[in-house]
């Protein structure tokens, strides 16, 4: 995904739903960087689905906003454990 700014809408130990500006292609590998409970996580994922959510007016004209579903693939044990512990503290 590069250095794109995203918003995480939903997070689980298996994946995430994100909101972003550039279109993603299903099957595309990507990395998602998150900071959870004071720890930086670098999560390997693949795009499961991606769809245009809306078109916004901005200072530079219209921009497309997309939502995509990511599946976390092959998380290292420590990363997966930290993610699951964080979600447990949220009651998920």
PDB file of N, CA and C in Angstrom:
ATOM      1  N   UNK A   1       0.804  -1.186   0.000  1.00  0.00           N
ATOM      2  CA  UNK A   1       0.000   0.000   0.000  1.00  0.00           C
ATOM      3  C   UNK A   1       0.852   1.257   0.000  1.00  0.00           C
ATOM      4  N   UNK A   2       2.120   1.147   0.221  1.00  0.00           N
ATOM      5  CA  UNK A   2       2.943   2.341   0.250  1.00  0.00           C
ATOM      6  C   UNK A   2       2.758   3.109   1.547  1.00  0.00           C
ATOM      7  N   UNK A   3       2.951   4.406   1.485  1.00  0.00           N
ATOM      8  CA  UNK A   3       2.867   5.244   2.676  1.00  0.00           C
ATOM      9  C   UNK A   3       1.521   5.931   2.779  1.00  0.00           C
ATOM     10  N   UNK A   4       0.514   5.343   2.197  1.00  0.00           N
ATOM     11  CA  UNK A   4      -0.817   5.932   2.191  1.00  0.00           C
ATOM     12  C   UNK A   4      -1.409   6.001   3.595  1.00  0.00           C
ATOM     13  N   UNK A   5      -2.114   7.075   3.862  1.00  0.00           N
ATOM     14  CA  UNK A   5      -2.828   7.218   5.119  1.00  0.00           C
ATOM     15  C   UNK A   5      -4.147   6.466   5.016  1.00  0.00           C
ATOM     16  N   UNK A   6      -4.415   5.638   5.992  1.00  0.00           N
ATOM     17  CA  UNK A   6      -5.651   4.853   5.990  1.00  0.00           C
ATOM     18  C   UNK A   6      -6.355   5.040   7.328  1.00  0.00           C
ATOM     19  N   UNK A   7      -7.603   4.613   7.359  1.00  0.00           N
ATOM     20  CA  UNK A   7      -8.353   4.585   8.612  1.00  0.00           C
ATOM     21  C   UNK A   7      -8.843   3.155   8.795  1.00  0.00           C
ATOM     22  N   UNK A   8      -8.568   2.580   9.949  1.00  0.00           N
ATOM     23  CA  UNK A   8      -9.028   1.222  10.255  1.00  0.00           C
ATOM     24  C   UNK A   8     -10.447   1.335  10.805  1.00  0.00           C
ATOM     25  N   UNK A   9     -11.386   0.685  10.121  1.00  0.00           N
ATOM     26  CA  UNK A   9     -12.788   0.719  10.525  1.00  0.00           C
ATOM     27  C   UNK A   9     -13.172  -0.471  11.383  1.00  0.00           C
ATOM     28  N   UNK A  10     -12.494  -1.596  11.159  1.00  0.00           N
ATOM     29  CA  UNK A  10     -12.787  -2.816  11.892  1.00  0.00           C
ATOM     30  C   UNK A  10     -11.503  -3.631  11.939  1.00  0.00           C
ATOM     31  N   UNK A  11     -11.215  -4.212  13.091  1.00  0.00           N
ATOM     32  CA  UNK A  11      -9.979  -4.972  13.271  1.00  0.00           C
ATOM     33  C   UNK A  11     -10.282  -6.257  14.010  1.00  0.00           C
ATOM     34  N   UNK A  12      -9.743  -7.358  13.509  1.00  0.00           N
ATOM     35  CA  UNK A  12      -9.842  -8.644  14.192  1.00  0.00           C
ATOM     36  C   UNK A  12      -8.495  -9.337  14.078  1.00  0.00           C
ATOM     37  N   UNK A  13      -8.375 -10.489  14.701  1.00  0.00           N
ATOM     38  CA  UNK A  13      -7.117 -11.223  14.625  1.00  0.00           C
ATOM     39  C   UNK A  13      -6.907 -11.845  13.246  1.00  0.00           C
ATOM     40  N   UNK A  14      -7.946 -11.847  12.420  1.00  0.00           N
ATOM     41  CA  UNK A  14      -7.862 -12.438  11.075  1.00  0.00           C
ATOM     42  C   UNK A  14      -7.703 -11.397   9.973  1.00  0.00           C
ATOM     43  N   UNK A  15      -8.079 -10.133  10.252  1.00  0.00           N
ATOM     44  CA  UNK A  15      -7.996  -9.135   9.203  1.00  0.00           C
ATOM     45  C   UNK A  15      -8.545  -7.791   9.635  1.00  0.00           C
ATOM     46  N   UNK A  16      -8.764  -6.936   8.656  1.00  0.00           N
ATOM     47  CA  UNK A  16      -9.227  -5.581   8.942  1.00  0.00           C
ATOM     48  C   UNK A  16     -10.049  -5.050   7.772  1.00  0.00           C
ATOM     49  N   UNK A  17     -10.937  -4.114   8.083  1.00  0.00           N
ATOM     50  CA  UNK A  17     -11.594  -3.330   7.052  1.00  0.00           C
ATOM     51  C   UNK A  17     -11.006  -1.932   7.167  1.00  0.00           C
ATOM     52  N   UNK A  18     -10.523  -1.416   6.039  1.00  0.00           N
ATOM     53  CA  UNK A  18      -9.862  -0.111   6.040  1.00  0.00           C
ATOM     54  C   UNK A  18     -10.546   0.838   5.064  1.00  0.00           C
ATOM     55  N   UNK A  19     -10.321   2.120   5.298  1.00  0.00           N
ATOM     56  CA  UNK A  19     -10.797   3.165   4.391  1.00  0.00           C
ATOM     57  C   UNK A  19      -9.558   3.904   3.885  1.00  0.00           C
ATOM     58  N   UNK A  20      -9.527   4.194   2.589  1.00  0.00           N
ATOM     59  CA  UNK A  20      -8.324   4.765   1.979  1.00  0.00           C
ATOM     60  C   UNK A  20      -8.685   5.451   0.668  1.00  0.00           C
ATOM     61  N   UNK A  21      -7.699   6.109   0.049  1.00  0.00           N
ATOM     62  CA  UNK A  21      -7.958   6.885  -1.158  1.00  0.00           C
ATOM     63  C   UNK A  21      -7.624   6.161  -2.458  1.00  0.00           C
ATOM     64  N   UNK A  22      -6.647   5.296  -2.477  1.00  0.00           N
ATOM     65  CA  UNK A  22      -6.258   4.623  -3.721  1.00  0.00           C
ATOM     66  C   UNK A  22      -6.913   3.259  -3.840  1.00  0.00           C
ATOM     67  N   UNK A  23      -7.354   2.938  -5.043  1.00  0.00           N
ATOM     68  CA  UNK A  23      -8.018   1.652  -5.273  1.00  0.00           C
ATOM     69  C   UNK A  23      -7.027   0.503  -5.101  1.00  0.00           C
ATOM     70  N   UNK A  24      -7.473  -0.553  -4.444  1.00  0.00           N
ATOM     71  CA  UNK A  24      -6.682  -1.766  -4.275  1.00  0.00           C
ATOM     72  C   UNK A  24      -7.311  -2.878  -5.101  1.00  0.00           C
ATOM     73  N   UNK A  25      -6.500  -3.869  -5.450  1.00  0.00           N
ATOM     74  CA  UNK A  25      -6.955  -4.980  -6.268  1.00  0.00           C
ATOM     75  C   UNK A  25      -7.062  -6.244  -5.419  1.00  0.00           C
ATOM     76  N   UNK A  26      -8.219  -6.936  -5.442  1.00  0.00           N
ATOM     77  CA  UNK A  26      -8.308  -8.198  -4.708  1.00  0.00           C
ATOM     78  C   UNK A  26      -7.179  -9.151  -5.111  1.00  0.00           C
ATOM     79  N   UNK A  27      -6.601  -9.784  -4.097  1.00  0.00           N
ATOM     80  CA  UNK A  27      -5.470 -10.677  -4.304  1.00  0.00           C
ATOM     81  C   UNK A  27      -4.127  -9.985  -4.136  1.00  0.00           C
ATOM     82  N   UNK A  28      -4.131  -8.669  -4.139  1.00  0.00           N
ATOM     83  CA  UNK A  28      -2.901  -7.880  -4.001  1.00  0.00           C
ATOM     84  C   UNK A  28      -2.324  -8.041  -2.603  1.00  0.00           C
ATOM     85  N   UNK A  29      -1.030  -8.351  -2.480  1.00  0.00           N
ATOM     86  CA  UNK A  29      -0.409  -8.383  -1.154  1.00  0.00           C
ATOM     87  C   UNK A  29      -0.161  -6.955  -0.669  1.00  0.00           C
ATOM     88  N   UNK A  30      -0.202  -6.771   0.627  1.00  0.00           N
ATOM     89  CA  UNK A  30       0.057  -5.445   1.190  1.00  0.00           C
ATOM     90  C   UNK A  30       0.560  -5.599   2.618  1.00  0.00           C
ATOM     91  N   UNK A  31       0.981  -4.493   3.178  1.00  0.00           N
ATOM     92  CA  UNK A  31       1.426  -4.460   4.566  1.00  0.00           C
ATOM     93  C   UNK A  31       0.649  -3.371   5.261  1.00  0.00           C
ATOM     94  N   UNK A  32       0.262  -3.644   6.487  1.00  0.00           N
ATOM     95  CA  UNK A  32      -0.482  -2.685   7.289  1.00  0.00           C
ATOM     96  C   UNK A  32       0.315  -2.417   8.557  1.00  0.00           C
ATOM     97  N   UNK A  33       0.694  -1.176   8.746  1.00  0.00           N
ATOM     98  CA  UNK A  33       1.431  -0.782   9.941  1.00  0.00           C
ATOM     99  C   UNK A  33       0.479  -0.180  10.959  1.00  0.00           C
ATOM    100  N   UNK A  34       0.479  -0.728  12.167  1.00  0.00           N
ATOM    101  CA  UNK A  34      -0.384  -0.243  13.246  1.00  0.00           C
ATOM    102  C   UNK A  34       0.441  -0.043  14.510  1.00  0.00           C
ATOM    103  N   UNK A  35       0.010   0.883  15.339  1.00  0.00           N
ATOM    104  CA  UNK A  35       0.591   1.022  16.678  1.00  0.00           C
ATOM    105  C   UNK A  35      -0.521   0.680  17.660  1.00  0.00           C
ATOM    106  N   UNK A  36      -0.339  -0.436  18.365  1.00  0.00           N
ATOM    107  CA  UNK A  36      -1.346  -0.909  19.320  1.00  0.00           C
ATOM    108  C   UNK A  36      -0.713  -1.098  20.684  1.00  0.00           C
ATOM    109  N   UNK A  37      -1.282  -0.451  21.682  1.00  0.00           N
ATOM    110  CA  UNK A  37      -0.828  -0.588  23.067  1.00  0.00           C
ATOM    111  C   UNK A  37       0.677  -0.360  23.183  1.00  0.00           C
ATOM    112  N   UNK A  38       1.169   0.680  22.500  1.00  0.00           N
ATOM    113  CA  UNK A  38       2.570   1.052  22.606  1.00  0.00           C
ATOM    114  C   UNK A  38       3.539   0.233  21.784  1.00  0.00           C
ATOM    115  N   UNK A  39       3.026  -0.634  20.930  1.00  0.00           N
ATOM    116  CA  UNK A  39       3.907  -1.481  20.114  1.00  0.00           C
ATOM    117  C   UNK A  39       3.568  -1.302  18.642  1.00  0.00           C
ATOM    118  N   UNK A  40       4.601  -1.111  17.828  1.00  0.00           N
ATOM    119  CA  UNK A  40       4.414  -1.009  16.383  1.00  0.00           C
ATOM    120  C   UNK A  40       4.315  -2.401  15.786  1.00  0.00           C
ATOM    121  N   UNK A  41       3.274  -2.611  14.971  1.00  0.00           N
ATOM    122  CA  UNK A  41       3.076  -3.894  14.307  1.00  0.00           C
ATOM    123  C   UNK A  41       3.142  -3.691  12.802  1.00  0.00           C
ATOM    124  N   UNK A  42       3.803  -4.595  12.116  1.00  0.00           N
ATOM    125  CA  UNK A  42       3.877  -4.598  10.667  1.00  0.00           C
ATOM    126  C   UNK A  42       3.208  -5.893  10.213  1.00  0.00           C
ATOM    127  N   UNK A  43       1.979  -5.774   9.702  1.00  0.00           N
ATOM    128  CA  UNK A  43       1.163  -6.942   9.400  1.00  0.00           C
ATOM    129  C   UNK A  43       1.137  -7.225   7.905  1.00  0.00           C
ATOM    130  N   UNK A  44       1.503  -8.451   7.530  1.00  0.00           N
ATOM    131  CA  UNK A  44       1.381  -8.886   6.142  1.00  0.00           C
ATOM    132  C   UNK A  44      -0.078  -9.256   5.890  1.00  0.00           C
ATOM    133  N   UNK A  45      -0.601  -8.791   4.767  1.00  0.00           N
ATOM    134  CA  UNK A  45      -2.012  -9.045   4.466  1.00  0.00           C
ATOM    135  C   UNK A  45      -2.198  -9.199   2.971  1.00  0.00           C
ATOM    136  N   UNK A  46      -3.384  -9.648   2.612  1.00  0.00           N
ATOM    137  CA  UNK A  46      -3.780  -9.635   1.205  1.00  0.00           C
ATOM    138  C   UNK A  46      -5.163  -9.013   1.124  1.00  0.00           C
ATOM    139  N   UNK A  47      -5.411  -8.325   0.019  1.00  0.00           N
ATOM    140  CA  UNK A  47      -6.687  -7.665  -0.203  1.00  0.00           C
ATOM    141  C   UNK A  47      -7.702  -8.728  -0.611  1.00  0.00           C
ATOM    142  N   UNK A  48      -8.815  -8.810   0.116  1.00  0.00           N
ATOM    143  CA  UNK A  48      -9.878  -9.771  -0.185  1.00  0.00           C
ATOM    144  C   UNK A  48     -10.933  -9.114  -1.074  1.00  0.00           C
ATOM    145  N   UNK A  49     -11.280  -7.882  -0.762  1.00  0.00           N
ATOM    146  CA  UNK A  49     -12.253  -7.135  -1.557  1.00  0.00           C
ATOM    147  C   UNK A  49     -11.937  -5.646  -1.444  1.00  0.00           C
ATOM    148  N   UNK A  50     -12.389  -4.880  -2.413  1.00  0.00           N
ATOM    149  CA  UNK A  50     -12.204  -3.432  -2.397  1.00  0.00           C
ATOM    150  C   UNK A  50     -13.324  -2.801  -3.211  1.00  0.00           C
ATOM    151  N   UNK A  51     -13.913  -1.719  -2.675  1.00  0.00           N
ATOM    152  CA  UNK A  51     -15.038  -1.085  -3.349  1.00  0.00           C
ATOM    153  C   UNK A  51     -15.030   0.416  -3.113  1.00  0.00           C
ATOM    154  N   UNK A  52     -15.488   1.150  -4.114  1.00  0.00           N
ATOM    155  CA  UNK A  52     -15.662   2.582  -3.961  1.00  0.00           C
ATOM    156  C   UNK A  52     -16.768   2.821  -2.943  1.00  0.00           C
ATOM    157  N   UNK A  53     -16.475   3.631  -1.928  1.00  0.00           N
ATOM    158  CA  UNK A  53     -17.457   3.916  -0.888  1.00  0.00           C
ATOM    159  C   UNK A  53     -18.173   5.235  -1.137  1.00  0.00           C
ATOM    160  N   UNK A  54     -17.407   6.250  -1.561  1.00  0.00           N
ATOM    161  CA  UNK A  54     -18.010   7.567  -1.796  1.00  0.00           C
ATOM    162  C   UNK A  54     -17.026   8.453  -2.535  1.00  0.00           C
ATOM    163  N   UNK A  55     -17.530   9.548  -3.039  1.00  0.00           N
ATOM    164  CA  UNK A  55     -16.708  10.585  -3.654  1.00  0.00           C
ATOM    165  C   UNK A  55     -16.869  11.841  -2.814  1.00  0.00           C
ATOM    166  N   UNK A  56     -15.744  12.411  -2.378  1.00  0.00           N
ATOM    167  CA  UNK A  56     -15.754  13.586  -1.512  1.00  0.00           C
ATOM    168  C   UNK A  56     -15.259  14.808  -2.273  1.00  0.00           C
ATOM    169  N   UNK A  57     -15.767  15.958  -1.888  1.00  0.00           N
ATOM    170  CA  UNK A  57     -15.240  17.227  -2.386  1.00  0.00           C
ATOM    171  C   UNK A  57     -14.140  17.678  -1.452  1.00  0.00           C
ATOM    172  N   UNK A  58     -13.004  18.005  -2.022  1.00  0.00           N
ATOM    173  CA  UNK A  58     -11.897  18.501  -1.224  1.00  0.00           C
ATOM    174  C   UNK A  58     -11.359  19.782  -1.814  1.00  0.00           C
ATOM    175  N   UNK A  59     -10.352  20.363  -1.182  1.00  0.00           N
ATOM    176  CA  UNK A  59      -9.792  21.625  -1.671  1.00  0.00           C
ATOM    177  C   UNK A  59      -9.185  21.498  -3.075  1.00  0.00           C
ATOM    178  N   UNK A  60      -8.798  20.290  -3.449  1.00  0.00           N
ATOM    179  CA  UNK A  60      -8.206  20.061  -4.773  1.00  0.00           C
ATOM    180  C   UNK A  60      -9.185  19.384  -5.715  1.00  0.00           C
ATOM    181  N   UNK A  61     -10.474  19.426  -5.407  1.00  0.00           N
ATOM    182  CA  UNK A  61     -11.488  18.798  -6.250  1.00  0.00           C
ATOM    183  C   UNK A  61     -11.993  17.498  -5.654  1.00  0.00           C
ATOM    184  N   UNK A  62     -12.640  16.700  -6.497  1.00  0.00           N
ATOM    185  CA  UNK A  62     -13.210  15.439  -6.030  1.00  0.00           C
ATOM    186  C   UNK A  62     -12.126  14.396  -5.798  1.00  0.00           C
ATOM    187  N   UNK A  63     -12.375  13.546  -4.799  1.00  0.00           N
ATOM    188  CA  UNK A  63     -11.486  12.408  -4.565  1.00  0.00           C
ATOM    189  C   UNK A  63     -12.329  11.205  -4.200  1.00  0.00           C
ATOM    190  N   UNK A  64     -11.876  10.049  -4.653  1.00  0.00           N
ATOM    191  CA  UNK A  64     -12.582   8.796  -4.402  1.00  0.00           C
ATOM    192  C   UNK A  64     -12.093   8.188  -3.088  1.00  0.00           C
ATOM    193  N   UNK A  65     -13.039   7.729  -2.281  1.00  0.00           N
ATOM    194  CA  UNK A  65     -12.727   7.044  -1.020  1.00  0.00           C
ATOM    195  C   UNK A  65     -13.172   5.592  -1.142  1.00  0.00           C
ATOM    196  N   UNK A  66     -12.269   4.694  -0.855  1.00  0.00           N
ATOM    197  CA  UNK A  66     -12.525   3.258  -0.981  1.00  0.00           C
ATOM    198  C   UNK A  66     -12.544   2.595   0.392  1.00  0.00           C
ATOM    199  N   UNK A  67     -13.199   1.449   0.446  1.00  0.00           N
ATOM    200  CA  UNK A  67     -13.126   0.550   1.599  1.00  0.00           C
ATOM    201  C   UNK A  67     -12.651  -0.795   1.087  1.00  0.00           C
ATOM    202  N   UNK A  68     -11.793  -1.427   1.882  1.00  0.00           N
ATOM    203  CA  UNK A  68     -11.241  -2.720   1.493  1.00  0.00           C
ATOM    204  C   UNK A  68     -11.167  -3.643   2.693  1.00  0.00           C
ATOM    205  N   UNK A  69     -11.292  -4.927   2.412  1.00  0.00           N
ATOM    206  CA  UNK A  69     -11.125  -5.958   3.423  1.00  0.00           C
ATOM    207  C   UNK A  69      -9.777  -6.627   3.250  1.00  0.00           C
ATOM    208  N   UNK A  70      -9.040  -6.744   4.342  1.00  0.00           N
ATOM    209  CA  UNK A  70      -7.717  -7.365   4.329  1.00  0.00           C
ATOM    210  C   UNK A  70      -7.729  -8.639   5.157  1.00  0.00           C
ATOM    211  N   UNK A  71      -6.999  -9.634   4.696  1.00  0.00           N
ATOM    212  CA  UNK A  71      -6.805 -10.878   5.437  1.00  0.00           C
ATOM    213  C   UNK A  71      -5.347 -10.928   5.853  1.00  0.00           C
ATOM    214  N   UNK A  72      -5.101 -11.116   7.158  1.00  0.00           N
ATOM    215  CA  UNK A  72      -3.733 -11.196   7.659  1.00  0.00           C
ATOM    216  C   UNK A  72      -3.184 -12.586   7.381  1.00  0.00           C
ATOM    217  N   UNK A  73      -2.073 -12.626   6.674  1.00  0.00           N
ATOM    218  CA  UNK A  73      -1.471 -13.899   6.299  1.00  0.00           C
ATOM    219  C   UNK A  73      -0.169 -14.106   7.062  1.00  0.00           C
ATOM    220  N   UNK A  74      -0.013 -15.274   7.612  1.00  0.00           N
ATOM    221  CA  UNK A  74       1.257 -15.681   8.223  1.00  0.00           C
ATOM    222  C   UNK A  74       1.811 -14.679   9.227  1.00  0.00           C
ATOM    223  N   UNK A  75       1.004 -14.322  10.208  1.00  0.00           N
ATOM    224  CA  UNK A  75       1.495 -13.423  11.249  1.00  0.00           C
ATOM    225  C   UNK A  75       2.476 -14.165  12.144  1.00  0.00           C
ATOM    226  N   UNK A  76       3.616 -13.551  12.427  1.00  0.00           N
ATOM    227  CA  UNK A  76       4.531 -14.177  13.391  1.00  0.00           C
ATOM    228  C   UNK A  76       3.819 -14.349  14.730  1.00  0.00           C
ATOM    229  N   UNK A  77       4.169 -15.386  15.475  1.00  0.00           N
ATOM    230  CA  UNK A  77       3.463 -15.715  16.710  1.00  0.00           C
ATOM    231  C   UNK A  77       3.382 -14.537  17.674  1.00  0.00           C
ATOM    232  N   UNK A  78       4.462 -13.834  17.887  1.00  0.00           N
ATOM    233  CA  UNK A  78       4.460 -12.708  18.818  1.00  0.00           C
ATOM    234  C   UNK A  78       3.531 -11.591  18.374  1.00  0.00           C
ATOM    235  N   UNK A  79       3.469 -11.352  17.087  1.00  0.00           N
ATOM    236  CA  UNK A  79       2.600 -10.305  16.551  1.00  0.00           C
ATOM    237  C   UNK A  79       1.138 -10.720  16.691  1.00  0.00           C
ATOM    238  N   UNK A  80       0.834 -11.952  16.313  1.00  0.00           N
ATOM    239  CA  UNK A  80      -0.528 -12.458  16.441  1.00  0.00           C
ATOM    240  C   UNK A  80      -1.003 -12.461  17.889  1.00  0.00           C
ATOM    241  N   UNK A  81      -0.120 -12.832  18.800  1.00  0.00           N
ATOM    242  CA  UNK A  81      -0.455 -12.850  20.228  1.00  0.00           C
ATOM    243  C   UNK A  81      -0.723 -11.440  20.732  1.00  0.00           C
ATOM    244  N   UNK A  82       0.119 -10.481  20.355  1.00  0.00           N
ATOM    245  CA  UNK A  82      -0.068  -9.094  20.794  1.00  0.00           C
ATOM    246  C   UNK A  82      -1.388  -8.538  20.251  1.00  0.00           C
ATOM    247  N   UNK A  83      -1.676  -8.818  18.997  1.00  0.00           N
ATOM    248  CA  UNK A  83      -2.921  -8.354  18.390  1.00  0.00           C
ATOM    249  C   UNK A  83      -4.122  -8.952  19.131  1.00  0.00           C
ATOM    250  N   UNK A  84      -4.087 -10.246  19.410  1.00  0.00           N
ATOM    251  CA  UNK A  84      -5.197 -10.896  20.106  1.00  0.00           C
ATOM    252  C   UNK A  84      -5.354 -10.350  21.522  1.00  0.00           C
ATOM    253  N   UNK A  85      -4.257 -10.130  22.235  1.00  0.00           N
ATOM    254  CA  UNK A  85      -4.339  -9.558  23.584  1.00  0.00           C
ATOM    255  C   UNK A  85      -4.925  -8.156  23.554  1.00  0.00           C
ATOM    256  N   UNK A  86      -4.540  -7.358  22.567  1.00  0.00           N
ATOM    257  CA  UNK A  86      -5.086  -6.003  22.425  1.00  0.00           C
ATOM    258  C   UNK A  86      -6.597  -6.075  22.184  1.00  0.00           C
ATOM    259  N   UNK A  87      -7.021  -6.943  21.299  1.00  0.00           N
ATOM    260  CA  UNK A  87      -8.456  -7.068  21.014  1.00  0.00           C
ATOM    261  C   UNK A  87      -9.231  -7.556  22.235  1.00  0.00           C
ATOM    262  N   UNK A  88      -8.611  -8.429  23.026  1.00  0.00           N
ATOM    263  CA  UNK A  88      -9.261  -8.929  24.244  1.00  0.00           C
ATOM    264  C   UNK A  88      -9.487  -7.800  25.235  1.00  0.00           C
ATOM    265  N   UNK A  89      -8.529  -6.875  25.326  1.00  0.00           N
ATOM    266  CA  UNK A  89      -8.714  -5.748  26.245  1.00  0.00           C
ATOM    267  C   UNK A  89      -9.866  -4.852  25.801  1.00  0.00           C
ATOM    268  N   UNK A  90     -10.191  -4.887  24.501  1.00  0.00           N
ATOM    269  CA  UNK A  90     -11.317  -4.098  23.985  1.00  0.00           C
ATOM    270  C   UNK A  90     -12.648  -4.850  24.103  1.00  0.00           C
ATOM    271  N   UNK A  91     -12.546  -6.114  24.526  1.00  0.00           N
ATOM    272  CA  UNK A  91     -13.756  -6.918  24.661  1.00  0.00           C
ATOM    273  C   UNK A  91     -14.246  -7.525  23.357  1.00  0.00           C
ATOM    274  N   UNK A  92     -13.332  -7.776  22.419  1.00  0.00           N
ATOM    275  CA  UNK A  92     -13.702  -8.357  21.113  1.00  0.00           C
ATOM    276  C   UNK A  92     -13.299  -9.785  21.009  1.00  0.00           C
TER     277      UNK A  92
END
